[in-house]
Amino acid sequence: MIPAAAAASAAAEDKPTLRLAQDVETPETARAAAAAAAATDPIAAPLAAAAVAESHLEILQRELDRMRDEIELLRRRDVALQFYMHRLDEELKLAARVQQDFLPKSMPKIGPLRFHTLFRPAAHVSGDLYDVMRLDESHVGFYMADAVGHGMPAALLTMFLKQALVTKVIDHTGYRLLQPSVTMQKLNDALVAQNLSTATFATALYGNINYRTLKFTFARGGHPDPILLSRDGELKVLQSEGALLGIFPDDVYEQQAVELQPGDRVFIYSDGVEIAFSSTDSPCNAQWRELLYARRDLPTEQIIADLRDLLGRADANDDRKKDDLTVIAVEVER
């Protein structure tokens, strides 16, 4: 017979030992134990310091591993972001080239009329669009559209406006040119009929010139009034009434006409001009007109070159938000 005490002892040795959570050693408990040992045994002080240092190293190693994992994750995200940004940039560059293809490749020289243009998108693509086209044996037409907003939505809207512009009616009897006011009405109704949810508004100006009689007829919708620099150096604003395109159907657009003289120049422009040549962030047509008037004695090509140079310097030294900008200068040769 095994004595009871011996049996109890044997059973205790065979039974698995349970350790409480507070018994599990951590760096904190290790430091506390080392400090207690150092306090009671001076010989153990170096060993305690080593234990503390080791626990610190373990903590630092875990932090370094965690930071290394986070850095690797950020690196992979950065690589993916750069890939998608590069692809987006390439697509926008392609869109810009397509939009450029819709612009006139060269300006026509019709009778005494000469055309000069300045086109500066705020980004890859522009919300401005223009065109100059010969309508018949005695008329040349031109238009400018400026979609509200910037970037791709505005650029797509200008593409629609280009296709929706109707300048003449052709039937079995022949053709007849539409008055600019009628062209603007049809353009507005076409835009309203699309019932677009966003970027549905635009400004536009359409006009034509009879290059035999030099009669300039135009209508505008929400667009800046054209400016006439006469051969005598006088600056005159050519005004007409007309609301933004795409808001109300059946809007009426006032038509105006002026008889041009040899040496006269007409400037048609988008509102980006009034922003670009303003000393503030707000459009200022007075400063733009002063700038134009100050160059009234220069050749038209030089005026356009000066404007382009001023824009280049402003873009390089100014961090203000840019807007799409377009200028058409119509010159009647002397």
Protein backbone atom coordinates (compact mmCIF):
# COMPACT_ATOMS: atom_id res chain seq x y z
CA MET A 1 0.00 0.00 0.00
CA ILE A 2 1.25 3.45 -0.93
CA PRO A 3 0.82 5.87 1.93
CA ALA A 4 -1.79 8.54 1.29
CA ALA A 5 0.76 11.35 1.42
CA ALA A 6 2.94 9.61 -1.18
CA ALA A 7 -0.08 9.03 -3.44
CA ALA A 8 -1.10 12.65 -3.21
CA SER A 9 2.44 13.70 -4.00
CA ALA A 10 2.57 11.41 -7.05
CA ALA A 11 -0.78 12.67 -8.30
CA ALA A 12 0.36 16.25 -7.96
CA GLU A 13 3.49 15.50 -10.02
CA ASP A 14 1.41 13.86 -12.82
CA LYS A 15 -1.19 16.69 -12.98
CA PRO A 16 -0.47 19.45 -15.65
CA THR A 17 0.52 22.76 -14.15
CA LEU A 18 -1.90 25.66 -14.91
CA ARG A 19 -0.37 29.14 -15.27
CA LEU A 20 -2.50 32.23 -14.76
CA ALA A 21 -2.41 35.09 -17.17
CA GLN A 22 -0.60 37.25 -14.66
CA ASP A 23 2.11 34.55 -14.43
CA VAL A 24 3.04 34.88 -18.15
CA GLU A 25 6.21 36.91 -18.49
CA THR A 26 6.08 40.09 -20.57
CA PRO A 27 8.73 42.75 -21.11
CA GLU A 28 7.09 44.82 -18.40
CA THR A 29 7.06 41.99 -15.86
CA ALA A 30 10.62 41.12 -16.85
CA ARG A 31 11.74 44.65 -16.10
CA ALA A 32 9.88 44.66 -12.80
CA ALA A 33 11.42 41.32 -11.80
CA ALA A 34 14.88 42.50 -12.83
CA ALA A 35 14.50 45.69 -10.83
CA ALA A 36 13.35 43.73 -7.76
CA ALA A 37 16.28 41.31 -8.11
CA ALA A 38 18.75 44.20 -8.45
CA ALA A 39 17.38 45.80 -5.34
CA THR A 40 17.91 42.70 -3.22
CA ASP A 41 21.09 41.41 -4.88
CA PRO A 42 23.75 43.92 -6.10
CA ILE A 43 25.45 41.18 -8.09
CA ALA A 44 22.31 40.75 -10.16
CA ALA A 45 22.24 44.45 -11.22
CA PRO A 46 24.11 43.94 -14.56
CA LEU A 47 21.88 41.00 -15.39
CA ALA A 48 18.81 43.10 -14.60
CA ALA A 49 20.02 45.93 -16.84
CA ALA A 50 20.64 43.46 -19.65
CA ALA A 51 17.13 42.08 -19.23
CA VAL A 52 15.65 45.57 -19.41
CA ALA A 53 17.67 46.37 -22.52
CA GLU A 54 16.61 43.13 -24.13
CA SER A 55 12.96 43.88 -23.47
CA HIS A 56 13.39 47.34 -24.99
CA LEU A 57 14.99 45.83 -28.06
CA GLU A 58 12.12 43.40 -28.43
CA ILE A 59 9.61 46.25 -28.32
CA LEU A 60 11.61 48.29 -30.83
CA GLN A 61 11.94 45.31 -33.13
CA ARG A 62 8.19 44.77 -33.13
CA GLU A 63 7.63 48.48 -33.91
CA LEU A 64 10.17 48.38 -36.72
CA ASP A 65 8.51 45.31 -38.22
CA ARG A 66 5.13 47.01 -38.08
CA MET A 67 6.47 50.19 -39.68
CA ARG A 68 8.23 48.17 -42.38
CA ASP A 69 4.94 46.46 -43.24
CA GLU A 70 3.12 49.79 -43.40
CA ILE A 71 5.81 51.32 -45.61
CA GLU A 72 5.61 48.37 -47.99
CA LEU A 73 1.84 48.74 -48.16
CA LEU A 74 2.16 52.45 -48.90
CA ARG A 75 4.78 51.75 -51.55
CA ARG A 76 2.46 49.33 -53.34
CA ARG A 77 -0.37 51.84 -53.17
CA ASP A 78 1.90 54.56 -54.53
CA VAL A 79 2.95 52.38 -57.46
CA ALA A 80 -0.69 51.63 -58.27
CA LEU A 81 -1.64 55.31 -57.97
CA GLN A 82 1.19 56.39 -60.25
CA PHE A 83 0.09 53.82 -62.82
CA TYR A 84 -3.50 55.06 -62.87
CA MET A 85 -2.45 58.73 -62.85
CA HIS A 86 -0.13 58.11 -65.80
CA ARG A 87 -2.89 56.32 -67.71
CA LEU A 88 -5.34 59.14 -66.96
CA ASP A 89 -2.80 61.73 -68.11
CA GLU A 90 -2.24 59.86 -71.37
CA GLU A 91 -6.00 59.63 -71.98
CA LEU A 92 -6.40 63.37 -71.34
CA LYS A 93 -3.55 64.13 -73.74
CA LEU A 94 -5.29 62.01 -76.37
CA ALA A 95 -8.56 63.84 -75.69
CA ALA A 96 -6.72 67.16 -76.11
CA ARG A 97 -5.38 66.06 -79.50
CA VAL A 98 -8.87 65.02 -80.59
CA GLN A 99 -10.27 68.38 -79.52
CA GLN A 100 -7.49 70.18 -81.39
CA ASP A 101 -8.58 68.30 -84.52
CA PHE A 102 -11.98 69.98 -84.26
CA LEU A 103 -10.36 73.42 -84.39
CA PRO A 104 -9.56 75.12 -87.70
CA LYS A 105 -6.22 73.98 -89.06
CA SER A 106 -5.63 77.39 -90.62
CA MET A 107 -7.49 80.67 -90.80
CA PRO A 108 -9.16 81.50 -94.11
CA LYS A 109 -8.28 84.61 -96.07
CA ILE A 110 -11.50 85.75 -97.67
CA GLY A 111 -11.59 89.03 -99.54
CA PRO A 112 -10.21 91.76 -97.25
CA LEU A 113 -10.91 89.72 -94.08
CA ARG A 114 -8.10 88.22 -92.02
CA PHE A 115 -8.57 86.07 -88.92
CA HIS A 116 -6.19 85.66 -85.98
CA THR A 117 -6.78 83.39 -82.99
CA LEU A 118 -5.49 82.68 -79.51
CA PHE A 119 -6.55 79.44 -77.82
CA ARG A 120 -5.32 78.52 -74.33
CA PRO A 121 -6.98 75.65 -72.40
CA ALA A 122 -6.78 75.80 -68.62
CA ALA A 123 -5.86 72.09 -68.58
CA HIS A 124 -5.51 69.31 -71.15
CA VAL A 125 -8.93 69.91 -72.68
CA SER A 126 -10.90 73.11 -72.93
CA GLY A 127 -14.48 74.14 -72.34
CA ASP A 128 -14.00 76.69 -75.17
CA LEU A 129 -14.44 75.93 -78.84
CA TYR A 130 -14.46 78.10 -81.95
CA ASP A 131 -14.64 77.82 -85.70
CA VAL A 132 -14.40 80.00 -88.79
CA MET A 133 -16.06 78.79 -91.99
CA ARG A 134 -16.96 80.08 -95.41
CA LEU A 135 -20.74 80.03 -95.79
CA ASP A 136 -21.15 80.94 -99.45
CA GLU A 137 -19.61 83.08 -102.15
CA SER A 138 -20.04 86.28 -100.12
CA HIS A 139 -20.31 85.35 -96.43
CA VAL A 140 -17.94 83.98 -93.82
CA GLY A 141 -19.29 82.74 -90.49
CA PHE A 142 -17.65 82.23 -87.11
CA TYR A 143 -18.71 81.19 -83.67
CA MET A 144 -17.34 80.74 -80.20
CA ALA A 145 -18.82 78.60 -77.42
CA ASP A 146 -17.84 78.44 -73.76
CA ALA A 147 -19.33 75.63 -71.67
CA VAL A 148 -19.88 76.32 -68.01
CA GLY A 149 -17.25 74.42 -66.02
CA HIS A 150 -13.90 72.95 -66.93
CA GLY A 151 -12.28 69.73 -68.04
CA MET A 152 -13.82 66.79 -69.81
CA PRO A 153 -17.55 67.48 -69.15
CA ALA A 154 -17.24 71.01 -70.53
CA ALA A 155 -15.20 69.80 -73.51
CA LEU A 156 -17.81 67.17 -74.37
CA LEU A 157 -20.53 69.79 -74.25
CA THR A 158 -18.67 72.01 -76.71
CA MET A 159 -18.42 69.05 -79.08
CA PHE A 160 -22.19 68.76 -78.99
CA LEU A 161 -22.61 72.49 -79.61
CA LYS A 162 -20.35 72.29 -82.65
CA GLN A 163 -22.48 69.55 -84.17
CA ALA A 164 -25.75 71.27 -83.25
CA LEU A 165 -24.83 74.61 -84.85
CA VAL A 166 -27.05 75.24 -87.90
CA THR A 167 -26.03 78.12 -90.16
CA LYS A 168 -28.04 77.43 -93.32
CA VAL A 169 -31.09 75.58 -94.59
CA ILE A 170 -30.81 73.49 -97.74
CA ASP A 171 -33.81 72.17 -99.67
CA HIS A 172 -34.80 71.35 -103.23
CA THR A 173 -34.85 75.02 -104.15
CA GLY A 174 -31.33 75.65 -102.95
CA TYR A 175 -30.07 77.11 -99.69
CA ARG A 176 -30.55 80.16 -97.53
CA LEU A 177 -28.38 81.44 -94.73
CA LEU A 178 -29.98 81.66 -91.32
CA GLN A 179 -29.85 84.90 -89.42
CA PRO A 180 -27.49 84.68 -86.42
CA SER A 181 -30.42 85.18 -84.04
CA VAL A 182 -32.18 82.14 -85.54
CA THR A 183 -28.99 80.08 -85.38
CA MET A 184 -28.69 80.93 -81.69
CA GLN A 185 -32.34 80.01 -81.04
CA LYS A 186 -31.89 76.64 -82.71
CA LEU A 187 -28.67 76.02 -80.78
CA ASN A 188 -30.35 76.83 -77.48
CA ASP A 189 -33.36 74.61 -78.23
CA ALA A 190 -31.10 71.72 -79.23
CA LEU A 191 -29.24 71.98 -75.92
CA VAL A 192 -32.43 72.27 -73.85
CA ALA A 193 -33.89 69.23 -75.64
CA GLN A 194 -31.01 67.05 -74.43
CA ASN A 195 -32.24 67.45 -70.84
CA LEU A 196 -28.71 66.90 -69.54
CA SER A 197 -28.22 66.44 -65.81
CA THR A 198 -24.89 68.29 -65.45
CA ALA A 199 -22.81 70.86 -67.32
CA THR A 200 -25.85 71.89 -69.35
CA PHE A 201 -25.17 75.60 -69.66
CA ALA A 202 -23.00 77.44 -72.13
CA THR A 203 -22.37 80.85 -73.59
CA ALA A 204 -21.97 81.35 -77.30
CA LEU A 205 -21.67 83.95 -80.02
CA TYR A 206 -22.36 83.41 -83.69
CA GLY A 207 -21.90 85.97 -86.45
CA ASN A 208 -21.24 86.35 -90.11
CA ILE A 209 -19.67 88.99 -92.32
CA ASN A 210 -20.56 89.78 -95.89
CA TYR A 211 -17.05 90.36 -97.14
CA ARG A 212 -18.32 92.31 -100.14
CA THR A 213 -20.31 94.86 -98.14
CA LEU A 214 -18.40 94.38 -94.83
CA LYS A 215 -21.65 94.08 -92.89
CA PHE A 216 -21.06 92.25 -89.60
CA THR A 217 -24.16 90.62 -88.09
CA PHE A 218 -24.14 88.70 -84.82
CA ALA A 219 -26.14 87.39 -81.88
CA ARG A 220 -24.92 86.13 -78.55
CA GLY A 221 -26.17 84.13 -75.58
CA GLY A 222 -24.56 85.01 -72.26
CA HIS A 223 -21.24 85.58 -74.02
CA PRO A 224 -19.03 88.67 -73.55
CA ASP A 225 -19.84 91.50 -75.96
CA PRO A 226 -17.41 91.75 -78.88
CA ILE A 227 -15.10 94.76 -79.04
CA LEU A 228 -14.58 96.92 -82.12
CA LEU A 229 -11.25 98.69 -82.50
CA SER A 230 -11.93 101.14 -85.28
CA ARG A 231 -9.38 102.31 -87.79
CA ASP A 232 -9.42 105.67 -85.99
CA GLY A 233 -8.31 104.03 -82.72
CA GLU A 234 -11.71 104.20 -81.04
CA LEU A 235 -12.79 101.26 -78.85
CA LYS A 236 -16.46 100.40 -78.98
CA VAL A 237 -18.36 97.60 -77.23
CA LEU A 238 -20.90 95.96 -79.56
CA GLN A 239 -23.84 95.05 -77.33
CA SER A 240 -26.74 92.66 -77.82
CA GLU A 241 -29.04 90.81 -75.45
CA GLY A 242 -29.26 87.06 -75.01
CA ALA A 243 -29.42 84.59 -72.13
CA LEU A 244 -27.25 81.55 -71.43
CA LEU A 245 -27.82 78.55 -73.65
CA GLY A 246 -29.53 75.49 -72.23
CA ILE A 247 -31.80 77.06 -69.61
CA PHE A 248 -35.14 77.94 -71.20
CA PRO A 249 -36.61 76.76 -74.51
CA ASP A 250 -37.74 79.25 -77.13
CA ASP A 251 -35.47 82.01 -75.81
CA VAL A 252 -35.09 84.99 -78.13
CA TYR A 253 -31.65 86.33 -79.01
CA GLU A 254 -31.23 89.91 -80.11
CA GLN A 255 -29.38 90.46 -83.34
CA GLN A 256 -27.12 93.41 -84.05
CA ALA A 257 -25.35 94.57 -87.18
CA VAL A 258 -22.53 97.02 -87.84
CA GLU A 259 -20.91 98.22 -91.05
CA LEU A 260 -17.17 97.65 -90.84
CA GLN A 261 -14.58 99.82 -92.52
CA PRO A 262 -11.13 98.98 -93.86
CA GLY A 263 -8.72 99.03 -90.92
CA ASP A 264 -11.38 98.01 -88.37
CA ARG A 265 -10.77 95.05 -86.08
CA VAL A 266 -13.33 93.04 -84.11
CA PHE A 267 -12.28 91.00 -81.06
CA ILE A 268 -14.46 88.10 -79.95
CA TYR A 269 -13.39 86.35 -76.78
CA SER A 270 -14.43 84.06 -73.92
CA ASP A 271 -14.71 85.28 -70.34
CA GLY A 272 -11.40 83.60 -69.50
CA VAL A 273 -9.77 86.67 -71.03
CA GLU A 274 -11.38 88.94 -68.46
CA ILE A 275 -10.02 86.69 -65.69
CA ALA A 276 -6.54 86.21 -67.14
CA PHE A 277 -5.90 89.93 -67.55
CA SER A 278 -7.44 90.97 -64.26
CA SER A 279 -5.36 91.96 -61.25
CA THR A 280 -7.77 90.04 -58.99
CA ASP A 281 -9.39 86.62 -59.05
CA SER A 282 -12.60 88.12 -60.47
CA PRO A 283 -13.30 88.95 -64.12
CA CYS A 284 -12.60 92.58 -65.01
CA ASN A 285 -13.63 93.66 -68.49
CA ALA A 286 -12.36 97.20 -67.85
CA GLN A 287 -8.73 96.06 -67.47
CA TRP A 288 -9.01 93.85 -70.54
CA ARG A 289 -10.37 96.74 -72.60
CA GLU A 290 -7.62 99.05 -71.34
CA LEU A 291 -5.01 96.47 -72.32
CA LEU A 292 -6.52 96.20 -75.79
CA TYR A 293 -6.88 99.95 -76.22
CA ALA A 294 -3.24 100.50 -75.24
CA ARG A 295 -2.25 98.34 -78.24
CA ARG A 296 -4.60 99.94 -80.75
CA ASP A 297 -1.71 101.14 -82.92
CA LEU A 298 -0.06 97.72 -83.16
CA PRO A 299 -0.65 95.26 -86.01
CA THR A 300 -3.18 92.57 -85.15
CA GLU A 301 -0.55 89.83 -85.24
CA GLN A 302 1.48 91.79 -82.70
CA ILE A 303 -1.51 92.25 -80.42
CA ILE A 304 -2.13 88.48 -80.39
CA ALA A 305 1.59 87.84 -79.82
CA ASP A 306 1.62 90.29 -76.90
CA LEU A 307 -1.41 88.60 -75.35
CA ARG A 308 0.23 85.19 -75.69
CA ASP A 309 3.42 86.50 -74.10
CA LEU A 310 1.53 88.09 -71.21
CA LEU A 311 -0.31 84.83 -70.61
CA GLY A 312 2.91 82.85 -70.62
CA ARG A 313 4.48 85.11 -68.01
CA ALA A 314 1.32 85.16 -65.90
CA ASP A 315 1.05 81.36 -65.95
CA ALA A 316 4.69 81.05 -64.86
CA ASN A 317 4.49 83.54 -61.98
CA ASP A 318 0.89 83.37 -60.84
CA ASP A 319 -0.74 80.57 -58.85
CA ARG A 320 -4.26 81.82 -59.41
CA LYS A 321 -6.79 79.42 -60.85
CA LYS A 322 -6.79 79.58 -64.65
CA ASP A 323 -9.76 79.54 -66.98
CA ASP A 324 -10.07 78.44 -70.58
CA LEU A 325 -9.31 81.35 -72.88
CA THR A 326 -10.04 82.02 -76.54
CA VAL A 327 -9.73 85.10 -78.74
CA ILE A 328 -10.75 85.58 -82.39
CA ALA A 329 -9.56 88.79 -84.00
CA VAL A 330 -11.26 89.71 -87.31
CA GLU A 331 -9.32 92.29 -89.28
CA VAL A 332 -10.49 94.22 -92.33
CA GLU A 333 -7.42 95.03 -94.38
CA ARG A 334 -7.01 98.61 -95.55
